[in-house]
Every structure is written in C-alpha cells, then in structure tokens.
C-alpha atoms as a PDB file:
ATOM      1  CA  MET A   1      26.548-121.554 -52.625  1.00  0.00           C
ATOM      2  CA  SER A   2      29.170-123.781 -51.264  1.00  0.00           C
ATOM      3  CA  THR A   3      28.915-125.945 -48.191  1.00  0.00           C
ATOM      4  CA  ALA A   4      31.309-123.717 -46.297  1.00  0.00           C
ATOM      5  CA  GLN A   5      29.159-120.695 -47.028  1.00  0.00           C
ATOM      6  CA  ILE A   6      26.005-122.513 -45.914  1.00  0.00           C
ATOM      7  CA  ILE A   7      27.723-123.606 -42.701  1.00  0.00           C
ATOM      8  CA  ALA A   8      28.968-120.047 -42.135  1.00  0.00           C
ATOM      9  CA  LEU A   9      25.475-118.697 -42.791  1.00  0.00           C
ATOM     10  CA  VAL A  10      23.891-121.222 -40.375  1.00  0.00           C
ATOM     11  CA  VAL A  11      26.531-120.436 -37.739  1.00  0.00           C
ATOM     12  CA  ALA A  12      25.916-116.700 -38.222  1.00  0.00           C
ATOM     13  CA  VAL A  13      22.132-117.167 -37.850  1.00  0.00           C
ATOM     14  CA  ILE A  14      22.683-119.292 -34.735  1.00  0.00           C
ATOM     15  CA  VAL A  15      25.003-116.652 -33.255  1.00  0.00           C
ATOM     16  CA  VAL A  16      22.508-113.885 -34.041  1.00  0.00           C
ATOM     17  CA  LEU A  17      19.692-115.930 -32.484  1.00  0.00           C
ATOM     18  CA  ALA A  18      21.858-116.663 -29.450  1.00  0.00           C
ATOM     19  CA  VAL A  19      22.681-112.963 -29.078  1.00  0.00           C
ATOM     20  CA  LEU A  20      18.989-112.089 -29.428  1.00  0.00           C
ATOM     21  CA  ALA A  21      18.086-114.713 -26.829  1.00  0.00           C
ATOM     22  CA  VAL A  22      20.679-113.308 -24.419  1.00  0.00           C
ATOM     23  CA  VAL A  23      19.365-109.773 -25.021  1.00  0.00           C
ATOM     24  CA  VAL A  24      15.740-110.907 -24.429  1.00  0.00           C
ATOM     25  CA  ILE A  25      16.750-112.766 -21.254  1.00  0.00           C
ATOM     26  CA  MET A  26      18.673-109.725 -19.981  1.00  0.00           C
ATOM     27  CA  MET A  27      15.726-107.445 -20.748  1.00  0.00           C
ATOM     28  CA  ASN A  28      13.343-109.804 -18.946  1.00  0.00           C
ATOM     29  CA  LYS A  29      15.663-109.931 -15.927  1.00  0.00           C
ATOM     30  CA  LYS A  30      15.935-106.149 -15.906  1.00  0.00           C
ATOM     31  CA  LYS A  31      12.156-105.835 -16.254  1.00  0.00           C
ATOM     32  CA  ALA A  32      11.629-108.345 -13.429  1.00  0.00           C
ATOM     33  CA  GLU A  33      14.108-106.457 -11.230  1.00  0.00           C
ATOM     34  CA  HIS A  34      12.341-103.194 -11.986  1.00  0.00           C
ATOM     35  CA  ARG A  35       8.973-104.772 -11.076  1.00  0.00           C
ATOM     36  CA  ARG A  36      10.446-106.149  -7.826  1.00  0.00           C
ATOM     37  CA  HIS A  37      11.684-102.664  -7.010  1.00  0.00           C
ATOM     38  CA  GLU A  38       8.240-101.167  -7.751  1.00  0.00           C
ATOM     39  CA  ALA A  39       6.575-103.830  -5.618  1.00  0.00           C
ATOM     40  CA  GLU A  40       8.948-103.098  -2.752  1.00  0.00           C
ATOM     41  CA  GLN A  41       8.175 -99.372  -2.992  1.00  0.00           C
ATOM     42  CA  LEU A  42       4.442-100.097  -2.907  1.00  0.00           C
ATOM     43  CA  ARG A  43       4.889-102.362   0.121  1.00  0.00           C
ATOM     44  CA  SER A  44       6.952 -99.668   1.815  1.00  0.00           C
ATOM     45  CA  ARG A  45       4.257 -97.046   1.180  1.00  0.00           C
ATOM     46  CA  ALA A  46       1.592 -99.457   2.384  1.00  0.00           C
ATOM     47  CA  GLY A  47       3.591-100.098   5.555  1.00  0.00           C
ATOM     48  CA  ALA A  48       3.945 -96.380   6.178  1.00  0.00           C
ATOM     49  CA  HIS A  49       0.197 -95.983   5.658  1.00  0.00           C
ATOM     50  CA  ARG A  50      -0.574 -98.721   8.218  1.00  0.00           C
ATOM     51  CA  GLY A  51      -0.278 -96.221  11.081  1.00  0.00           C
ATOM     52  CA  ALA A  52      -2.988 -94.065   9.528  1.00  0.00           C
ATOM     53  CA  ILE A  53      -5.195 -97.121   9.088  1.00  0.00           C
ATOM     54  CA  ASP A  54      -4.726 -98.055  12.732  1.00  0.00           C
ATOM     55  CA  GLN A  55      -5.561 -94.499  13.748  1.00  0.00           C
ATOM     56  CA  THR A  56      -8.753 -94.370  11.668  1.00  0.00           C
ATOM     57  CA  GLU A  57      -9.763 -97.771  13.028  1.00  0.00           C
ATOM     58  CA  GLN A  58      -9.332 -96.449  16.572  1.00  0.00           C
ATOM     59  CA  GLN A  59     -11.352 -93.340  15.694  1.00  0.00           C
ATOM     60  CA  ALA A  60     -14.099 -95.536  14.255  1.00  0.00           C
ATOM     61  CA  ARG A  61     -14.187 -97.632  17.442  1.00  0.00           C
ATOM     62  CA  GLU A  62     -14.375 -94.499  19.581  1.00  0.00           C
ATOM     63  CA  ALA A  63     -17.175 -93.090  17.414  1.00  0.00           C
ATOM     64  CA  GLU A  64     -19.074 -96.377  17.678  1.00  0.00           C
ATOM     65  CA  ALA A  65     -18.670 -96.379  21.457  1.00  0.00           C
ATOM     66  CA  ALA A  66     -19.859 -92.763  21.660  1.00  0.00           C
ATOM     67  CA  ALA A  67     -22.844 -93.594  19.448  1.00  0.00           C
ATOM     68  CA  GLN A  68     -23.722 -96.561  21.652  1.00  0.00           C
ATOM     69  CA  LEU A  69     -23.523 -94.345  24.727  1.00  0.00           C
ATOM     70  CA  LYS A  70     -25.744 -91.722  23.080  1.00  0.00           C
ATOM     71  CA  ARG A  71     -28.233 -94.448  22.078  1.00  0.00           C
ATOM     72  CA  ALA A  72     -28.347 -95.646  25.683  1.00  0.00           C
ATOM     73  CA  GLU A  73     -28.823 -92.062  26.904  1.00  0.00           C
ATOM     74  CA  ALA A  74     -31.576 -91.514  24.339  1.00  0.00           C
ATOM     75  CA  GLU A  75     -33.322 -94.722  25.401  1.00  0.00           C
ATOM     76  CA  ARG A  76     -33.074 -93.669  29.039  1.00  0.00           C
ATOM     77  CA  ALA A  77     -34.460 -90.215  28.195  1.00  0.00           C
ATOM     78  CA  GLU A  78     -37.266 -91.815  26.172  1.00  0.00           C
ATOM     79  CA  ARG A  79     -38.182 -94.033  29.149  1.00  0.00           C
ATOM     80  CA  GLN A  80     -38.156 -90.997  31.435  1.00  0.00           C
ATOM     81  CA  ALA A  81     -40.360 -89.090  28.987  1.00  0.00           C
ATOM     82  CA  ALA A  82     -42.777 -92.027  28.790  1.00  0.00           C
ATOM     83  CA  GLU A  83     -42.889 -92.218  32.590  1.00  0.00           C
ATOM     84  CA  ALA A  84     -43.474 -88.457  32.793  1.00  0.00           C
ATOM     85  CA  ARG A  85     -46.276 -88.721  30.195  1.00  0.00           C
ATOM     86  CA  GLN A  86     -47.828 -91.566  32.161  1.00  0.00           C
ATOM     87  CA  ALA A  87     -47.570 -89.585  35.407  1.00  0.00           C
ATOM     88  CA  HIS A  88     -49.136 -86.604  33.639  1.00  0.00           C
ATOM     89  CA  HIS A  89     -52.029 -88.737  32.397  1.00  0.00           C
ATOM     90  CA  VAL A  90     -52.587 -90.109  35.912  1.00  0.00           C
ATOM     91  CA  GLU A  91     -52.548 -86.582  37.377  1.00  0.00           C
ATOM     92  CA  GLU A  92     -54.862 -85.365  34.651  1.00  0.00           C
ATOM     93  CA  ALA A  93     -57.255 -88.272  35.269  1.00  0.00           C
ATOM     94  CA  GLN A  94     -57.228 -87.659  39.021  1.00  0.00           C
ATOM     95  CA  HIS A  95     -57.912 -83.970  38.425  1.00  0.00           C
ATOM     96  CA  GLU A  96     -60.780 -84.828  36.081  1.00  0.00           C
ATOM     97  CA  ASP A  97     -62.175 -87.270  38.651  1.00  0.00           C
ATOM     98  CA  VAL A  98     -62.236 -84.481  41.252  1.00  0.00           C
ATOM     99  CA  LEU A  99     -63.945 -82.136  38.774  1.00  0.00           C
ATOM    100  CA  ARG A 100     -66.509 -84.791  37.853  1.00  0.00           C
ATOM    101  CA  GLU A 101     -67.228 -85.443  41.530  1.00  0.00           C
ATOM    102  CA  ALA A 102     -67.623 -81.701  42.130  1.00  0.00           C
ATOM    103  CA  ASP A 103     -69.906 -81.403  39.099  1.00  0.00           C
ATOM    104  CA  ARG A 104     -71.899 -84.441  40.239  1.00  0.00           C
ATOM    105  CA  LEU A 105     -72.448 -82.836  43.642  1.00  0.00           C
ATOM    106  CA  ASP A 106     -73.261 -79.390  42.229  1.00  0.00           C
ATOM    107  CA  PRO A 107     -77.029 -79.133  41.659  1.00  0.00           C
ATOM    108  CA  ASP A 108     -76.432 -76.420  39.044  1.00  0.00           C
ATOM    109  CA  VAL A 109     -74.358 -78.663  36.757  1.00  0.00           C
ATOM    110  CA  ASN A 110     -76.016 -81.076  34.374  1.00  0.00           C
ATOM    111  CA  HIS A 111     -73.299 -83.707  34.206  1.00  0.00           C
ATOM    112  CA  LYS A 112     -75.510 -85.915  32.018  1.00  0.00           C
ATOM    113  CA  ALA A 113     -75.784 -83.389  29.183  1.00  0.00           C
ATOM    114  CA  ASP A 114     -74.406 -84.337  25.747  1.00  0.00           C
ATOM    115  CA  ASP A 115     -72.003 -81.387  25.745  1.00  0.00           C
ATOM    116  CA  TYR A 116     -70.876 -81.938  29.345  1.00  0.00           C
ATOM    117  CA  ARG A 117     -67.184 -81.540  30.020  1.00  0.00           C
ATOM    118  CA  PRO A 118     -65.828 -81.717  33.555  1.00  0.00           C
ATOM    119  CA  GLY A 119     -65.167 -78.302  35.058  1.00  0.00           C
ATOM    120  CA  HIS A 120     -66.663 -76.299  32.161  1.00  0.00           C
ATOM    121  CA  SER A 121     -69.630 -74.012  32.506  1.00  0.00           C
ATOM    122  CA  SER A 122     -71.341 -75.467  29.409  1.00  0.00           C
ATOM    123  CA  GLY A 123     -72.702 -78.280  31.592  1.00  0.00           C
ATOM    124  CA  HIS A 124     -74.751 -75.858  33.730  1.00  0.00           C
ATOM    125  CA  SER A 125     -78.449 -76.131  33.414  1.00  0.00           C
ATOM    126  CA  SER A 126     -80.084 -73.157  31.821  1.00  0.00           C
ATOM    127  CA  GLY A 127     -82.745 -72.954  34.548  1.00  0.00           C
ATOM    128  CA  PRO A 128     -82.717 -70.636  37.562  1.00  0.00           C
ATOM    129  CA  THR A 129     -79.952 -71.087  40.084  1.00  0.00           C
ATOM    130  CA  SER A 130     -80.147 -70.759  43.820  1.00  0.00           C
ATOM    131  CA  GLY A 131     -76.934 -68.741  44.112  1.00  0.00           C
ATOM    132  CA  PRO A 132     -73.869 -67.396  42.355  1.00  0.00           C
ATOM    133  CA  THR A 133     -71.845 -70.357  41.108  1.00  0.00           C
ATOM    134  CA  SER A 134     -69.358 -70.508  38.316  1.00  0.00           C
ATOM    135  CA  GLY A 135     -69.595 -74.215  37.565  1.00  0.00           C
ATOM    136  CA  THR A 136     -65.869 -74.723  37.975  1.00  0.00           C
ATOM    137  CA  VAL A 137     -64.082 -75.828  41.069  1.00  0.00           C
ATOM    138  CA  ASN A 138     -60.615 -74.534  41.738  1.00  0.00           C
END
C-alpha cells in the first residue's frame, strides 16, 4: 500500500467517524428534545390535575371539620348520658331510702333479715300480723 492510499484510507475513516459522530449527536439532540416534550406533557397533565387535588383537599378538610363536630356532639351526649345516669342513681337511692324508712317503721317487716331487700315482701316476718299489709309502700 502506498502512502497516498494510507492517507486516503485514514481520511476516509476520519470522515466516516465524523459522520457517525454527527449522526450520534443529532440522535441525542432529537432524543433530548423528545424527552423535553414528554416532560412538558407530564407537567401539563399535572397542572390540569392540580384542580382535582385542591378539590379533594377541600373535601378532606370539610370531612375533618364534620368529624370534629360529631366528636364534640358525641362528647356532649356522653356527658348528658352520664349526668342522666347519675341523676337516676340519686333518684333510685332516694327511693330506696324511703322504702327502707318505711320498712324500718313497719313492725311486720324484718329489715335485719339476711334476704331483706327494701320494698319486697320477702323481708316480712313469718309470724302473725296484726292487720293486712303488703310489705311494700307505694
């Protein structure tokens, strides 16, 4: 091979490499442009979806506020129920006190018996009575 042929071969290889480099650079630019375009589309879709996100956030806030209100109402109702239970227990105790006092005064009721219960006939003594009594006071 002559020197001219070697130079021509080297020049041809350099030209081919240069063409390949240009092609690779162009492909990379095109690929980068395509990726920019895809990214822009995704950002556009995300921006359009932002309204829905804002709406669901507002719905979540409203649901949280409603839940808080319901919790407060439930706590209030629970306090009222506890107060009503307490009032019931007081009434029941006062009623039992009256029955115990009546049983204590009634000579036919053995209020010291083991099975004594206020206002029940089981506390009556089994002995003779001086009159018709039921053992309960109404």
